[in-house]
């Protein structure tokens, strides 16, 4: 597939439905089922396990359809690939700008939505395929938090702690903590002022009009106030939650693939360092994606259109194989 070829919508796999009426459609490209030859009169057929599945979690204000090209590149590497919009975004309903718009924050996403999405995917795919999250920017941060919370509670959707209940690993791409001190003495103070403006605007108007103002898309005030709190304090929390997100992150022991991207001014290496410092027990594979490896221009968003090599890295990591050159394993 070349970058010039059009990319169609992914087929609908299932829809996660929440008690409050929120609906989160999940789209997927399914890997072919492995061939399992069954000799006449024998028992269950032996054979290779099903391909790993990867659920892509979008950045703040970015619709899931933005990742269609990268989803096809992942699928071409033999993975089952799934996409879903964050609550209120894209084709999720209700929308942030529509009637009955959600006023949620991080708590609803990591404690309600993602468990429901994972449970719906497990119902559709079964318990056998390994399931990994792949989060971009805010999607990576919240994916890590969700995985940590479900790990501490024994699984997603209340179905236990074994495979089939939660996720088996988390990949983060172009992601980092937004703590202002992680951005250094030049950019940090500006970020601190920005969060004051964003939190104040969201509080006054009841939402953040990011599409008009050029940052983060349209968001409910809860998401932006939780984001601003993490800018100020460096700590992840969800207003109204009884759970300790930081404590859960510190206990996370899943495989984590962390990919920084060349020319990414939104998630520099220092911001990724701060985020990864919260998961000291994770089995970490860290690498840096360069324009030379991508064969195209890179920045915080452009990697999704030049992700062929990165897709190979993700597929190797999901299959627990050694990644190609240019990567570093371990902390």
Protein backbone atom coordinates (compact mmCIF):
# COMPACT_ATOMS: atom_id res chain seq x y z
CA UNK A 1 0.00 0.00 0.00
CA UNK A 2 1.39 3.41 -0.94
CA UNK A 3 0.61 6.66 0.80
CA UNK A 4 -1.31 7.84 -2.26
CA UNK A 5 -3.81 4.97 -2.23
CA UNK A 6 -7.20 5.74 -0.65
CA UNK A 7 -8.03 3.93 2.55
CA UNK A 8 -11.60 2.85 3.21
CA UNK A 9 -13.44 2.65 6.50
CA UNK A 10 -12.71 -0.39 8.63
CA UNK A 11 -15.61 -2.85 9.02
CA UNK A 12 -17.69 -2.60 12.17
CA UNK A 13 -16.91 -5.44 14.58
CA UNK A 14 -19.02 -4.63 17.63
CA UNK A 15 -20.32 -1.75 19.74
CA UNK A 16 -19.67 -1.24 23.43
CA UNK A 17 -22.77 0.11 25.14
CA UNK A 18 -22.64 1.80 28.54
CA UNK A 19 -25.49 2.03 31.08
CA UNK A 20 -25.65 5.82 30.60
CA UNK A 21 -26.41 5.42 26.89
CA UNK A 22 -22.88 5.97 25.59
CA UNK A 23 -22.16 3.88 22.49
CA UNK A 24 -18.60 3.21 21.30
CA UNK A 25 -18.41 1.46 17.90
CA UNK A 26 -15.35 -0.77 17.46
CA UNK A 27 -14.05 -1.30 13.92
CA UNK A 28 -11.60 -4.02 12.95
CA UNK A 29 -9.45 -5.66 10.33
CA UNK A 30 -9.25 -9.29 11.36
CA UNK A 31 -6.21 -11.42 10.69
CA UNK A 32 -6.94 -14.74 8.94
CA UNK A 33 -7.57 -17.62 11.31
CA UNK A 34 -4.60 -20.01 11.50
CA UNK A 35 -4.98 -23.26 9.63
CA UNK A 36 -5.49 -26.23 11.94
CA UNK A 37 -5.55 -29.62 10.25
CA UNK A 38 -7.72 -32.21 11.98
CA UNK A 39 -6.97 -35.82 11.01
CA UNK A 40 -10.04 -37.99 10.78
CA UNK A 41 -11.06 -39.43 14.15
CA UNK A 42 -8.55 -37.43 16.17
CA UNK A 43 -9.14 -34.98 18.99
CA UNK A 44 -8.93 -31.18 18.93
CA UNK A 45 -6.66 -29.91 16.17
CA UNK A 46 -3.23 -28.63 17.17
CA UNK A 47 -1.87 -25.60 15.44
CA UNK A 48 -0.59 -22.06 15.85
CA UNK A 49 -2.44 -19.64 18.13
CA UNK A 50 -4.51 -16.81 16.61
CA UNK A 51 -2.73 -13.59 15.70
CA UNK A 52 -2.34 -10.92 18.37
CA UNK A 53 -4.89 -8.11 18.34
CA UNK A 54 -4.04 -4.42 18.72
CA UNK A 55 -6.59 -1.79 19.78
CA UNK A 56 -5.64 1.74 18.68
CA UNK A 57 -6.58 4.51 21.14
CA UNK A 58 -6.62 8.01 19.61
CA UNK A 59 -5.01 11.24 20.71
CA UNK A 60 -7.10 14.00 22.28
CA UNK A 61 -9.66 15.28 19.80
CA UNK A 62 -8.51 12.94 17.01
CA UNK A 63 -11.13 10.64 15.45
CA UNK A 64 -10.37 6.94 15.14
CA UNK A 65 -10.67 7.15 11.35
CA UNK A 66 -7.44 9.21 11.33
CA UNK A 67 -5.57 5.94 12.00
CA UNK A 68 -7.04 3.93 9.11
CA UNK A 69 -3.85 3.90 7.04
CA UNK A 70 -1.75 2.80 10.00
CA UNK A 71 -4.38 0.17 10.83
CA UNK A 72 -3.97 -1.30 7.34
CA UNK A 73 -0.19 -1.30 7.78
CA UNK A 74 -0.52 -3.18 11.07
CA UNK A 75 -2.93 -5.61 9.47
CA UNK A 76 -0.47 -6.22 6.63
CA UNK A 77 1.98 -7.44 9.30
CA UNK A 78 -0.45 -10.19 10.34
CA UNK A 79 -2.23 -8.49 13.25
CA UNK A 80 -5.91 -8.13 14.02
CA UNK A 81 -6.33 -4.36 14.31
CA UNK A 82 -9.15 -2.56 16.08
CA UNK A 83 -10.02 1.13 16.39
CA UNK A 84 -12.42 2.97 18.69
CA UNK A 85 -13.16 6.61 19.38
CA UNK A 86 -12.78 8.04 22.85
CA UNK A 87 -16.06 9.02 24.51
CA UNK A 88 -17.72 11.99 22.82
CA UNK A 89 -15.39 11.93 19.80
CA UNK A 90 -15.75 10.74 16.21
CA UNK A 91 -18.62 8.28 15.80
CA UNK A 92 -19.03 7.70 19.55
CA UNK A 93 -22.42 8.85 20.78
CA UNK A 94 -23.49 11.17 22.22
CA UNK A 95 -20.96 13.60 20.76
CA UNK A 96 -19.21 16.26 22.80
CA UNK A 97 -21.03 19.01 20.89
CA UNK A 98 -24.46 17.38 20.54
CA UNK A 99 -27.55 17.38 22.72
CA UNK A 100 -26.92 15.32 25.84
CA UNK A 101 -23.18 15.92 25.44
CA UNK A 102 -21.10 14.04 28.00
CA UNK A 103 -19.45 16.02 30.79
CA UNK A 104 -17.00 13.27 31.65
CA UNK A 105 -13.34 13.23 32.61
CA UNK A 106 -10.58 10.66 32.75
CA UNK A 107 -12.46 8.47 35.25
CA UNK A 108 -15.24 7.59 32.82
CA UNK A 109 -12.77 6.71 30.06
CA UNK A 110 -10.41 4.48 32.06
CA UNK A 111 -12.88 2.98 34.56
CA UNK A 112 -16.02 2.60 32.43
CA UNK A 113 -15.43 2.96 28.70
CA UNK A 114 -12.24 0.99 28.16
CA UNK A 115 -13.37 -1.96 30.31
CA UNK A 116 -16.59 -2.08 28.28
CA UNK A 117 -14.70 -1.87 24.98
CA UNK A 118 -12.27 -4.62 26.00
CA UNK A 119 -15.15 -6.82 27.15
CA UNK A 120 -16.99 -6.27 23.85
CA UNK A 121 -13.84 -7.14 21.89
CA UNK A 122 -13.32 -10.31 23.94
CA UNK A 123 -16.92 -11.30 23.26
CA UNK A 124 -16.33 -10.82 19.53
CA UNK A 125 -12.85 -12.35 19.22
CA UNK A 126 -12.89 -14.86 22.05
CA UNK A 127 -10.44 -15.18 24.91
CA UNK A 128 -7.55 -16.72 23.01
CA UNK A 129 -5.93 -13.88 21.00
CA UNK A 130 -3.50 -11.71 22.98
CA UNK A 131 -4.92 -8.18 23.11
CA UNK A 132 -2.65 -5.13 23.23
CA UNK A 133 -3.50 -1.44 23.48
CA UNK A 134 -1.69 1.01 21.21
CA UNK A 135 -2.22 4.57 22.34
CA UNK A 136 -1.25 7.84 20.69
CA UNK A 137 -0.64 10.88 22.90
CA UNK A 138 -3.55 11.07 25.41
CA UNK A 139 -4.68 7.63 24.21
CA UNK A 140 -1.33 6.22 25.31
CA UNK A 141 -1.49 7.86 28.72
CA UNK A 142 -5.02 6.66 29.42
CA UNK A 143 -4.28 3.23 27.94
CA UNK A 144 -1.49 2.78 30.48
CA UNK A 145 -3.74 3.93 33.32
CA UNK A 146 -6.54 1.59 32.26
CA UNK A 147 -4.19 -1.38 31.97
CA UNK A 148 -2.75 -0.62 35.40
CA UNK A 149 -6.18 -0.31 37.01
CA UNK A 150 -7.51 -3.50 35.44
CA UNK A 151 -4.33 -5.33 36.43
CA UNK A 152 -4.79 -4.36 40.08
CA UNK A 153 -8.49 -5.24 40.06
CA UNK A 154 -7.97 -8.62 38.37
CA UNK A 155 -9.13 -7.86 34.84
CA UNK A 156 -11.40 -5.72 32.67
CA UNK A 157 -15.14 -6.01 32.76
CA UNK A 158 -15.09 -8.03 35.97
CA UNK A 159 -14.24 -11.29 34.26
CA UNK A 160 -11.13 -12.33 36.16
CA UNK A 161 -7.39 -11.89 35.84
CA UNK A 162 -6.44 -14.53 33.28
CA UNK A 163 -6.07 -14.08 29.54
CA UNK A 164 -9.40 -13.15 28.06
CA UNK A 165 -10.26 -10.65 30.80
CA UNK A 166 -7.97 -7.70 30.16
CA UNK A 167 -5.07 -6.61 28.04
CA UNK A 168 -1.72 -8.31 27.58
CA UNK A 169 0.46 -5.29 26.84
CA UNK A 170 0.46 -1.58 26.04
CA UNK A 171 2.26 0.27 23.25
CA UNK A 172 2.54 4.06 23.44
CA UNK A 173 3.52 6.11 20.38
CA UNK A 174 4.23 9.85 20.37
CA UNK A 175 3.13 9.93 24.00
CA UNK A 176 4.39 11.48 27.20
CA UNK A 177 3.36 12.96 30.51
CA UNK A 178 2.22 16.57 30.16
CA UNK A 179 3.77 17.65 33.50
CA UNK A 180 5.12 21.12 32.84
CA UNK A 181 8.51 20.43 34.43
CA UNK A 182 9.09 17.62 31.91
CA UNK A 183 9.22 20.26 29.17
CA UNK A 184 12.21 22.14 30.54
CA UNK A 185 12.74 25.72 31.71
CA UNK A 186 11.87 27.29 28.35
CA UNK A 187 8.65 25.50 27.41
CA UNK A 188 7.45 24.48 30.86
CA UNK A 189 6.24 27.90 32.05
CA UNK A 190 4.29 28.39 28.81
CA UNK A 191 2.57 25.05 29.28
CA UNK A 192 1.71 26.01 32.86
CA UNK A 193 0.07 29.21 31.62
CA UNK A 194 -1.73 27.32 28.84
CA UNK A 195 -3.34 24.88 31.27
CA UNK A 196 -4.67 27.81 33.32
CA UNK A 197 -6.26 29.28 30.20
CA UNK A 198 -7.72 25.95 29.09
CA UNK A 199 -9.05 24.93 32.50
CA UNK A 200 -10.56 28.38 33.06
CA UNK A 201 -12.19 28.49 29.63
CA UNK A 202 -13.59 24.97 29.99
CA UNK A 203 -14.99 25.81 33.42
CA UNK A 204 -16.67 29.03 32.29
CA UNK A 205 -18.18 27.63 29.09
CA UNK A 206 -18.76 24.07 30.31
CA UNK A 207 -16.58 22.64 27.53
CA UNK A 208 -13.36 23.34 25.65
CA UNK A 209 -13.96 24.61 22.05
CA UNK A 210 -10.67 23.20 20.85
CA UNK A 211 -11.69 22.83 17.21
CA UNK A 212 -12.14 26.60 17.02
CA UNK A 213 -9.09 27.41 19.14
CA UNK A 214 -6.71 24.94 17.52
CA UNK A 215 -5.87 22.55 20.35
CA UNK A 216 -7.31 19.23 21.45
CA UNK A 217 -10.59 19.30 19.58
CA UNK A 218 -13.92 19.91 21.32
CA UNK A 219 -13.75 18.42 24.81
CA UNK A 220 -15.91 18.34 27.94
CA UNK A 221 -14.65 20.39 30.83
CA UNK A 222 -13.92 17.25 32.85
CA UNK A 223 -11.30 15.96 30.41
CA UNK A 224 -9.58 19.34 30.17
CA UNK A 225 -9.58 19.90 33.93
CA UNK A 226 -8.06 16.45 34.48
CA UNK A 227 -5.50 17.22 31.75
CA UNK A 228 -4.68 20.58 33.35
CA UNK A 229 -4.30 18.96 36.78
CA UNK A 230 -1.73 16.56 35.36
CA UNK A 231 0.12 19.49 33.76
CA UNK A 232 0.36 21.19 37.18
CA UNK A 233 1.03 18.22 39.43
CA UNK A 234 2.54 15.55 37.20
CA UNK A 235 0.11 13.02 38.68
CA UNK A 236 -2.72 11.11 37.01
CA UNK A 237 -6.10 11.15 38.71
CA UNK A 238 -9.76 11.23 37.81
CA UNK A 239 -12.14 13.56 39.58
CA UNK A 240 -14.70 11.52 41.49
CA UNK A 241 -12.64 8.33 41.42
CA UNK A 242 -11.85 6.34 44.55
CA UNK A 243 -8.88 4.69 42.83
CA UNK A 244 -5.22 5.72 43.08
CA UNK A 245 -4.00 5.88 39.50
CA UNK A 246 -0.39 6.55 40.43
CA UNK A 247 -0.22 3.56 42.76
CA UNK A 248 -1.71 1.32 40.08
CA UNK A 249 0.82 2.54 37.51
CA UNK A 250 3.70 1.83 39.91
CA UNK A 251 2.54 -1.79 40.16
CA UNK A 252 2.06 -2.38 36.41
CA UNK A 253 4.06 -5.42 35.25
CA UNK A 254 2.86 -5.83 31.66
CA UNK A 255 5.01 -5.53 28.52
CA UNK A 256 5.19 -1.90 27.39
CA UNK A 257 6.47 -0.70 24.00
CA UNK A 258 7.36 3.01 24.12
CA UNK A 259 8.07 4.74 20.80
CA UNK A 260 9.21 8.34 20.59
CA UNK A 261 8.96 10.07 17.22
CA UNK A 262 11.46 12.36 15.54
CA UNK A 263 10.40 16.04 15.31
CA UNK A 264 7.61 15.50 17.86
CA UNK A 265 7.40 18.77 19.79
CA UNK A 266 4.25 17.73 21.68
CA UNK A 267 5.78 14.60 23.26
CA UNK A 268 9.55 15.09 23.57
CA UNK A 269 11.81 12.42 25.06
CA UNK A 270 11.77 14.16 28.45
CA UNK A 271 7.96 13.87 28.62
CA UNK A 272 8.15 10.18 27.73
CA UNK A 273 10.84 9.74 30.40
CA UNK A 274 8.48 11.14 33.04
CA UNK A 275 5.61 8.90 31.91
CA UNK A 276 7.76 5.75 31.91
CA UNK A 277 9.13 6.63 35.34
CA UNK A 278 5.64 5.91 36.65
CA UNK A 279 5.79 2.24 35.53
CA UNK A 280 9.09 0.93 36.95
CA UNK A 281 7.82 -2.67 36.96
CA UNK A 282 6.81 -2.74 33.29
CA UNK A 283 8.72 -4.99 30.91
CA UNK A 284 9.85 -2.11 28.75
CA UNK A 285 10.95 -1.98 25.13
CA UNK A 286 11.83 1.54 24.06
CA UNK A 287 12.73 2.84 20.62
CA UNK A 288 12.89 6.03 18.58
CA UNK A 289 11.22 6.33 15.17
CA UNK A 290 13.17 8.47 12.72
CA UNK A 291 12.28 10.01 9.37
CA UNK A 292 14.97 7.87 7.75
CA UNK A 293 13.32 4.69 9.04
CA UNK A 294 9.86 5.97 8.14
CA UNK A 295 10.81 7.08 4.65
CA UNK A 296 8.75 10.24 5.10
CA UNK A 297 8.14 13.34 7.17
CA UNK A 298 7.47 12.83 10.87
CA UNK A 299 5.95 14.82 13.70
CA UNK A 300 3.37 14.23 16.43
CA UNK A 301 0.70 13.31 13.86
CA UNK A 302 2.48 12.63 10.55
CA UNK A 303 3.87 9.26 11.72
CA UNK A 304 0.44 7.74 11.11
CA UNK A 305 0.95 8.29 7.38
CA UNK A 306 4.49 6.92 7.33
CA UNK A 307 4.09 4.01 9.71
CA UNK A 308 5.17 1.01 7.65
CA UNK A 309 8.39 0.35 9.56
CA UNK A 310 6.73 1.16 12.86
CA UNK A 311 4.02 -1.40 12.09
CA UNK A 312 6.75 -4.03 11.73
CA UNK A 313 8.12 -3.06 15.16
CA UNK A 314 4.69 -3.32 16.76
CA UNK A 315 4.03 -6.71 15.16
CA UNK A 316 7.39 -8.06 16.35
CA UNK A 317 6.78 -6.75 19.87
CA UNK A 318 3.24 -8.17 20.00
CA UNK A 319 4.60 -11.55 18.94
CA UNK A 320 7.30 -11.30 21.63
CA UNK A 321 10.03 -11.28 19.00
CA UNK A 322 13.22 -9.25 18.84
CA UNK A 323 12.64 -5.89 17.22
CA UNK A 324 14.65 -4.81 14.15
CA UNK A 325 17.75 -2.63 14.49
CA UNK A 326 17.53 0.85 15.92
CA UNK A 327 15.69 -0.14 19.08
CA UNK A 328 16.64 -0.46 22.71
CA UNK A 329 15.20 -3.02 25.09
CA UNK A 330 15.08 -2.51 28.85
CA UNK A 331 15.26 0.54 31.05
